[in-house]
Amino acid sequence: MSSYQARTITRTIDCDSREVYDFASTPTNWPRWAAGLGRNFEKIGGQWSAEDPNGRHIRIRFTPANDFGVLDHVVFSEAGETHNAMRVVGNGTGSEVMFTLLQTPGMSDQIFADDAAAVARDLDALKALLERR
């Protein structure tokens, strides 16, 4: 079994970890900060339907609510499944939000870099949104 290139993108947010988790674990909040994932979220059964940034239909399955800050999610698209690992960890009175991005087979270095930049923008948006509250 081979492993893939990975990059963990982290942002420190000056906000209680429970507040960050509660906000970020609510899929209807994602369009407010996660433009890299999609828009027009709609719950269908135990999953969510949305449009990716290119307007293509995707389905998303989020990890159930938990006390560990786990925000993992799987994106189902025409290209297949993408498993995304995301965490919120308390750090004093603030939080660390971490997203681990994997370079999947066939993904060019440029697409991987573009995806990492999109995740960074999304986490910057989450940070700005929560620190304004």
N, C-alpha and C. Protein backbone atom coordinates (compact mmCIF):
# COMPACT_ATOMS: atom_id res chain seq x y z
N MET A 1 0.85 -1.18 0.00
CA MET A 1 0.00 0.00 0.00
C MET A 1 0.89 1.24 0.00
N SER A 2 0.61 2.15 -0.88
CA SER A 2 1.39 3.37 -0.92
C SER A 2 0.64 4.49 -0.21
N SER A 3 1.38 5.46 0.23
CA SER A 3 0.73 6.61 0.87
C SER A 3 0.78 7.79 -0.09
N TYR A 4 -0.02 8.77 0.20
CA TYR A 4 -0.14 9.95 -0.65
C TYR A 4 0.53 11.13 0.02
N GLN A 5 0.87 12.11 -0.79
CA GLN A 5 1.35 13.37 -0.22
C GLN A 5 0.21 13.97 0.59
N ALA A 6 0.54 14.51 1.76
CA ALA A 6 -0.47 15.11 2.62
C ALA A 6 -0.01 16.49 3.06
N ARG A 7 -0.97 17.35 3.28
CA ARG A 7 -0.70 18.69 3.80
C ARG A 7 -1.79 19.02 4.82
N THR A 8 -1.37 19.37 6.03
CA THR A 8 -2.34 19.79 7.04
C THR A 8 -2.31 21.31 7.12
N ILE A 9 -3.46 21.90 6.90
CA ILE A 9 -3.61 23.36 6.90
C ILE A 9 -4.30 23.71 8.21
N THR A 10 -3.70 24.61 8.97
CA THR A 10 -4.17 24.93 10.32
C THR A 10 -4.41 26.43 10.45
N ARG A 11 -5.45 26.77 11.16
CA ARG A 11 -5.70 28.16 11.53
C ARG A 11 -6.02 28.21 13.02
N THR A 12 -5.46 29.21 13.69
CA THR A 12 -5.78 29.50 15.08
C THR A 12 -6.95 30.48 15.07
N ILE A 13 -7.99 30.15 15.81
CA ILE A 13 -9.17 31.00 15.88
C ILE A 13 -9.36 31.44 17.32
N ASP A 14 -9.48 32.73 17.52
CA ASP A 14 -9.67 33.30 18.86
C ASP A 14 -11.13 33.18 19.26
N CYS A 15 -11.52 31.93 19.51
CA CYS A 15 -12.90 31.62 19.83
C CYS A 15 -12.91 30.25 20.51
N ASP A 16 -13.76 30.07 21.49
CA ASP A 16 -13.87 28.81 22.21
C ASP A 16 -14.07 27.63 21.26
N SER A 17 -13.39 26.53 21.52
CA SER A 17 -13.45 25.38 20.62
C SER A 17 -14.86 24.81 20.48
N ARG A 18 -15.65 24.86 21.52
CA ARG A 18 -17.03 24.34 21.43
C ARG A 18 -17.84 25.21 20.47
N GLU A 19 -17.65 26.53 20.54
CA GLU A 19 -18.37 27.44 19.65
C GLU A 19 -17.93 27.21 18.20
N VAL A 20 -16.63 27.03 17.98
CA VAL A 20 -16.12 26.77 16.64
C VAL A 20 -16.71 25.46 16.12
N TYR A 21 -16.65 24.42 16.95
CA TYR A 21 -17.17 23.11 16.52
C TYR A 21 -18.66 23.20 16.23
N ASP A 22 -19.43 23.81 17.12
CA ASP A 22 -20.88 23.89 16.92
C ASP A 22 -21.22 24.60 15.61
N PHE A 23 -20.50 25.67 15.31
CA PHE A 23 -20.76 26.41 14.07
C PHE A 23 -20.32 25.61 12.85
N ALA A 24 -19.10 25.09 12.90
CA ALA A 24 -18.54 24.39 11.73
C ALA A 24 -19.18 23.03 11.50
N SER A 25 -19.79 22.45 12.49
CA SER A 25 -20.42 21.13 12.32
C SER A 25 -21.85 21.23 11.80
N THR A 26 -22.32 22.43 11.57
CA THR A 26 -23.66 22.65 11.04
C THR A 26 -23.56 22.87 9.53
N PRO A 27 -23.93 21.87 8.72
CA PRO A 27 -23.75 21.99 7.27
C PRO A 27 -24.40 23.22 6.64
N THR A 28 -25.50 23.70 7.20
CA THR A 28 -26.13 24.89 6.62
C THR A 28 -25.27 26.14 6.81
N ASN A 29 -24.26 26.08 7.68
CA ASN A 29 -23.33 27.20 7.84
C ASN A 29 -22.19 27.15 6.82
N TRP A 30 -21.95 26.00 6.22
CA TRP A 30 -20.79 25.84 5.34
C TRP A 30 -20.78 26.82 4.17
N PRO A 31 -21.89 27.12 3.53
CA PRO A 31 -21.83 28.08 2.42
C PRO A 31 -21.33 29.47 2.86
N ARG A 32 -21.40 29.77 4.15
CA ARG A 32 -20.95 31.07 4.66
C ARG A 32 -19.43 31.16 4.74
N TRP A 33 -18.74 30.01 4.74
CA TRP A 33 -17.29 30.06 4.89
C TRP A 33 -16.54 29.05 4.02
N ALA A 34 -17.19 28.02 3.53
CA ALA A 34 -16.50 26.95 2.80
C ALA A 34 -16.82 26.99 1.31
N ALA A 35 -16.48 28.09 0.67
CA ALA A 35 -16.75 28.23 -0.77
C ALA A 35 -16.05 27.14 -1.57
N GLY A 36 -14.94 26.63 -1.06
CA GLY A 36 -14.20 25.58 -1.75
C GLY A 36 -14.95 24.26 -1.79
N LEU A 37 -15.92 24.08 -0.90
CA LEU A 37 -16.72 22.86 -0.91
C LEU A 37 -17.94 23.00 -1.81
N GLY A 38 -18.69 24.06 -1.64
CA GLY A 38 -19.86 24.20 -2.49
C GLY A 38 -20.88 25.18 -1.96
N ARG A 39 -22.05 25.11 -2.60
CA ARG A 39 -23.16 26.01 -2.26
C ARG A 39 -24.47 25.27 -2.48
N ASN A 40 -25.56 25.90 -2.09
CA ASN A 40 -26.91 25.33 -2.24
C ASN A 40 -27.03 23.98 -1.53
N PHE A 41 -26.65 23.94 -0.28
CA PHE A 41 -26.73 22.73 0.53
C PHE A 41 -28.18 22.38 0.83
N GLU A 42 -28.48 21.10 0.69
CA GLU A 42 -29.83 20.60 0.98
C GLU A 42 -29.70 19.21 1.58
N LYS A 43 -30.39 19.00 2.70
CA LYS A 43 -30.33 17.70 3.36
C LYS A 43 -31.26 16.73 2.64
N ILE A 44 -30.70 15.56 2.31
CA ILE A 44 -31.48 14.50 1.67
C ILE A 44 -31.15 13.21 2.41
N GLY A 45 -32.07 12.76 3.24
CA GLY A 45 -31.81 11.58 4.06
C GLY A 45 -30.69 11.88 5.04
N GLY A 46 -29.70 10.98 5.12
CA GLY A 46 -28.58 11.16 6.03
C GLY A 46 -27.40 11.87 5.41
N GLN A 47 -27.57 12.39 4.18
CA GLN A 47 -26.47 13.08 3.50
C GLN A 47 -26.94 14.47 3.07
N TRP A 48 -26.01 15.20 2.50
CA TRP A 48 -26.30 16.53 1.97
C TRP A 48 -25.99 16.56 0.48
N SER A 49 -26.77 17.34 -0.22
CA SER A 49 -26.57 17.56 -1.64
C SER A 49 -26.12 19.02 -1.80
N ALA A 50 -25.23 19.26 -2.75
CA ALA A 50 -24.75 20.63 -2.98
C ALA A 50 -24.21 20.73 -4.40
N GLU A 51 -23.82 21.94 -4.76
CA GLU A 51 -23.11 22.17 -6.02
C GLU A 51 -21.69 22.53 -5.67
N ASP A 52 -20.73 21.91 -6.34
CA ASP A 52 -19.33 22.26 -6.10
C ASP A 52 -19.05 23.63 -6.71
N PRO A 53 -17.85 24.20 -6.51
CA PRO A 53 -17.57 25.53 -7.05
C PRO A 53 -17.71 25.64 -8.57
N ASN A 54 -17.68 24.50 -9.27
CA ASN A 54 -17.86 24.51 -10.73
C ASN A 54 -19.29 24.22 -11.15
N GLY A 55 -20.22 24.15 -10.18
CA GLY A 55 -21.62 23.94 -10.48
C GLY A 55 -22.04 22.49 -10.65
N ARG A 56 -21.11 21.56 -10.41
CA ARG A 56 -21.44 20.13 -10.53
C ARG A 56 -22.08 19.63 -9.24
N HIS A 57 -22.98 18.67 -9.38
CA HIS A 57 -23.67 18.10 -8.24
C HIS A 57 -22.71 17.21 -7.43
N ILE A 58 -22.74 17.40 -6.11
CA ILE A 58 -21.99 16.54 -5.20
C ILE A 58 -22.89 16.12 -4.05
N ARG A 59 -22.51 15.05 -3.41
CA ARG A 59 -23.16 14.63 -2.16
C ARG A 59 -22.10 14.64 -1.07
N ILE A 60 -22.51 14.95 0.14
CA ILE A 60 -21.56 15.04 1.25
C ILE A 60 -22.14 14.29 2.45
N ARG A 61 -21.31 13.47 3.05
CA ARG A 61 -21.69 12.81 4.30
C ARG A 61 -20.77 13.31 5.40
N PHE A 62 -21.36 13.92 6.41
CA PHE A 62 -20.61 14.46 7.53
C PHE A 62 -20.57 13.47 8.69
N THR A 63 -19.49 13.51 9.45
CA THR A 63 -19.38 12.72 10.67
C THR A 63 -20.48 13.15 11.63
N PRO A 64 -21.10 12.20 12.32
CA PRO A 64 -22.12 12.59 13.30
C PRO A 64 -21.52 13.50 14.38
N ALA A 65 -22.38 14.29 15.02
CA ALA A 65 -21.96 15.16 16.12
C ALA A 65 -21.20 14.33 17.16
N ASN A 66 -20.14 14.92 17.69
CA ASN A 66 -19.31 14.20 18.66
C ASN A 66 -18.65 15.19 19.61
N ASP A 67 -18.07 14.67 20.68
CA ASP A 67 -17.41 15.50 21.69
C ASP A 67 -15.91 15.63 21.47
N PHE A 68 -15.42 15.17 20.34
CA PHE A 68 -13.98 15.13 20.09
C PHE A 68 -13.51 16.16 19.07
N GLY A 69 -14.41 16.99 18.55
CA GLY A 69 -14.02 18.01 17.58
C GLY A 69 -13.79 17.48 16.18
N VAL A 70 -14.29 16.27 15.89
CA VAL A 70 -14.07 15.65 14.58
C VAL A 70 -15.13 16.18 13.60
N LEU A 71 -14.65 16.73 12.49
CA LEU A 71 -15.51 17.27 11.44
C LEU A 71 -15.25 16.58 10.10
N ASP A 72 -14.85 15.32 10.16
CA ASP A 72 -14.57 14.60 8.92
C ASP A 72 -15.80 14.56 8.03
N HIS A 73 -15.55 14.51 6.73
CA HIS A 73 -16.64 14.43 5.77
C HIS A 73 -16.15 13.76 4.49
N VAL A 74 -17.07 13.10 3.82
CA VAL A 74 -16.77 12.44 2.56
C VAL A 74 -17.56 13.15 1.47
N VAL A 75 -16.88 13.51 0.39
CA VAL A 75 -17.53 14.16 -0.75
C VAL A 75 -17.62 13.12 -1.87
N PHE A 76 -18.83 12.92 -2.37
CA PHE A 76 -19.09 12.00 -3.48
C PHE A 76 -19.36 12.83 -4.72
N SER A 77 -18.56 12.62 -5.76
CA SER A 77 -18.74 13.35 -7.01
C SER A 77 -18.57 12.38 -8.17
N GLU A 78 -18.68 12.91 -9.38
CA GLU A 78 -18.46 12.08 -10.58
C GLU A 78 -17.08 11.46 -10.57
N ALA A 79 -16.12 12.14 -9.94
CA ALA A 79 -14.73 11.66 -9.92
C ALA A 79 -14.50 10.58 -8.86
N GLY A 80 -15.46 10.38 -7.97
CA GLY A 80 -15.32 9.37 -6.92
C GLY A 80 -15.52 9.96 -5.54
N GLU A 81 -14.96 9.30 -4.55
CA GLU A 81 -15.09 9.71 -3.16
C GLU A 81 -13.81 10.41 -2.70
N THR A 82 -13.99 11.48 -1.96
CA THR A 82 -12.86 12.17 -1.34
C THR A 82 -13.11 12.22 0.15
N HIS A 83 -12.22 11.60 0.92
CA HIS A 83 -12.33 11.58 2.38
C HIS A 83 -11.51 12.75 2.93
N ASN A 84 -12.16 13.57 3.75
CA ASN A 84 -11.53 14.77 4.29
C ASN A 84 -11.49 14.70 5.81
N ALA A 85 -10.30 14.85 6.37
CA ALA A 85 -10.11 14.83 7.82
C ALA A 85 -10.02 16.27 8.31
N MET A 86 -10.87 16.60 9.28
CA MET A 86 -10.90 17.96 9.81
C MET A 86 -11.14 17.88 11.31
N ARG A 87 -10.45 18.72 12.07
CA ARG A 87 -10.55 18.71 13.53
C ARG A 87 -10.59 20.12 14.08
N VAL A 88 -11.28 20.24 15.24
CA VAL A 88 -11.23 21.45 16.05
C VAL A 88 -10.67 21.02 17.40
N VAL A 89 -9.60 21.67 17.82
CA VAL A 89 -8.94 21.33 19.08
C VAL A 89 -8.83 22.60 19.91
N GLY A 90 -9.22 22.50 21.19
CA GLY A 90 -9.10 23.64 22.08
C GLY A 90 -7.64 23.99 22.31
N ASN A 91 -7.36 25.30 22.42
CA ASN A 91 -6.02 25.80 22.70
C ASN A 91 -6.19 27.00 23.61
N GLY A 92 -6.19 26.74 24.92
CA GLY A 92 -6.47 27.81 25.88
C GLY A 92 -7.91 28.27 25.70
N THR A 93 -8.09 29.57 25.51
CA THR A 93 -9.44 30.09 25.29
C THR A 93 -9.80 30.13 23.81
N GLY A 94 -8.88 29.70 22.97
CA GLY A 94 -9.11 29.69 21.53
C GLY A 94 -9.14 28.28 20.98
N SER A 95 -8.93 28.16 19.68
CA SER A 95 -9.04 26.88 18.98
C SER A 95 -8.01 26.77 17.88
N GLU A 96 -7.70 25.55 17.55
CA GLU A 96 -6.94 25.22 16.36
C GLU A 96 -7.88 24.43 15.45
N VAL A 97 -8.00 24.85 14.21
CA VAL A 97 -8.79 24.12 13.22
C VAL A 97 -7.81 23.56 12.21
N MET A 98 -7.88 22.23 12.00
CA MET A 98 -6.92 21.55 11.13
C MET A 98 -7.66 20.77 10.06
N PHE A 99 -7.20 20.89 8.85
CA PHE A 99 -7.76 20.16 7.71
C PHE A 99 -6.59 19.46 7.03
N THR A 100 -6.65 18.14 6.94
CA THR A 100 -5.59 17.39 6.27
C THR A 100 -6.04 17.05 4.86
N LEU A 101 -5.29 17.53 3.90
CA LEU A 101 -5.57 17.34 2.48
C LEU A 101 -4.65 16.27 1.94
N LEU A 102 -5.20 15.30 1.22
CA LEU A 102 -4.41 14.23 0.62
C LEU A 102 -4.39 14.39 -0.89
N GLN A 103 -3.22 14.19 -1.47
CA GLN A 103 -3.09 14.20 -2.93
C GLN A 103 -3.44 12.80 -3.42
N THR A 104 -4.57 12.67 -4.06
CA THR A 104 -5.07 11.37 -4.48
C THR A 104 -4.41 10.93 -5.79
N PRO A 105 -4.50 9.65 -6.11
CA PRO A 105 -3.89 9.17 -7.36
C PRO A 105 -4.43 9.94 -8.57
N GLY A 106 -3.54 10.33 -9.43
CA GLY A 106 -3.93 11.05 -10.63
C GLY A 106 -4.06 12.55 -10.44
N MET A 107 -3.98 13.03 -9.20
CA MET A 107 -4.09 14.47 -8.94
C MET A 107 -2.73 15.11 -9.20
N SER A 108 -2.70 16.10 -10.07
CA SER A 108 -1.44 16.77 -10.37
C SER A 108 -0.99 17.61 -9.18
N ASP A 109 0.30 17.93 -9.16
CA ASP A 109 0.83 18.79 -8.11
C ASP A 109 0.14 20.15 -8.13
N GLN A 110 -0.21 20.64 -9.32
CA GLN A 110 -0.86 21.95 -9.42
C GLN A 110 -2.27 21.90 -8.83
N ILE A 111 -3.02 20.85 -9.12
CA ILE A 111 -4.38 20.73 -8.55
C ILE A 111 -4.29 20.58 -7.03
N PHE A 112 -3.32 19.82 -6.55
CA PHE A 112 -3.12 19.66 -5.11
C PHE A 112 -2.82 21.02 -4.47
N ALA A 113 -1.96 21.80 -5.09
CA ALA A 113 -1.64 23.14 -4.57
C ALA A 113 -2.86 24.05 -4.61
N ASP A 114 -3.64 23.96 -5.69
CA ASP A 114 -4.87 24.77 -5.80
C ASP A 114 -5.88 24.37 -4.72
N ASP A 115 -6.01 23.06 -4.47
CA ASP A 115 -6.92 22.59 -3.42
C ASP A 115 -6.46 23.10 -2.05
N ALA A 116 -5.16 23.05 -1.80
CA ALA A 116 -4.63 23.53 -0.52
C ALA A 116 -4.90 25.03 -0.36
N ALA A 117 -4.76 25.78 -1.43
CA ALA A 117 -5.04 27.22 -1.37
C ALA A 117 -6.53 27.47 -1.10
N ALA A 118 -7.40 26.65 -1.69
CA ALA A 118 -8.85 26.79 -1.45
C ALA A 118 -9.18 26.48 0.00
N VAL A 119 -8.58 25.43 0.56
CA VAL A 119 -8.81 25.09 1.97
C VAL A 119 -8.32 26.23 2.86
N ALA A 120 -7.16 26.79 2.56
CA ALA A 120 -6.63 27.91 3.35
C ALA A 120 -7.59 29.10 3.31
N ARG A 121 -8.12 29.41 2.13
CA ARG A 121 -9.09 30.52 2.02
C ARG A 121 -10.33 30.23 2.85
N ASP A 122 -10.81 28.99 2.78
CA ASP A 122 -12.00 28.62 3.56
C ASP A 122 -11.74 28.76 5.06
N LEU A 123 -10.59 28.29 5.52
CA LEU A 123 -10.28 28.40 6.96
C LEU A 123 -10.08 29.86 7.37
N ASP A 124 -9.52 30.67 6.49
CA ASP A 124 -9.41 32.11 6.76
C ASP A 124 -10.79 32.73 6.89
N ALA A 125 -11.72 32.33 6.04
CA ALA A 125 -13.09 32.85 6.10
C ALA A 125 -13.77 32.41 7.39
N LEU A 126 -13.56 31.16 7.80
CA LEU A 126 -14.15 30.66 9.05
C LEU A 126 -13.59 31.46 10.22
N LYS A 127 -12.30 31.68 10.24
CA LYS A 127 -11.64 32.45 11.30
C LYS A 127 -12.23 33.87 11.36
N ALA A 128 -12.30 34.54 10.23
CA ALA A 128 -12.82 35.92 10.20
C ALA A 128 -14.27 35.97 10.65
N LEU A 129 -15.07 35.04 10.21
CA LEU A 129 -16.48 35.00 10.56
C LEU A 129 -16.66 34.79 12.07
N LEU A 130 -15.96 33.84 12.63
CA LEU A 130 -16.13 33.53 14.05
C LEU A 130 -15.52 34.59 14.96
N GLU A 131 -14.43 35.21 14.55
CA GLU A 131 -13.81 36.22 15.39
C GLU A 131 -14.57 37.54 15.36
N ARG A 132 -15.47 37.73 14.38
CA ARG A 132 -16.33 38.93 14.32
C ARG A 132 -17.53 38.80 15.23
N ARG A 133 -17.88 37.58 15.59
CA ARG A 133 -19.10 37.35 16.37
C ARG A 133 -18.98 37.86 17.78
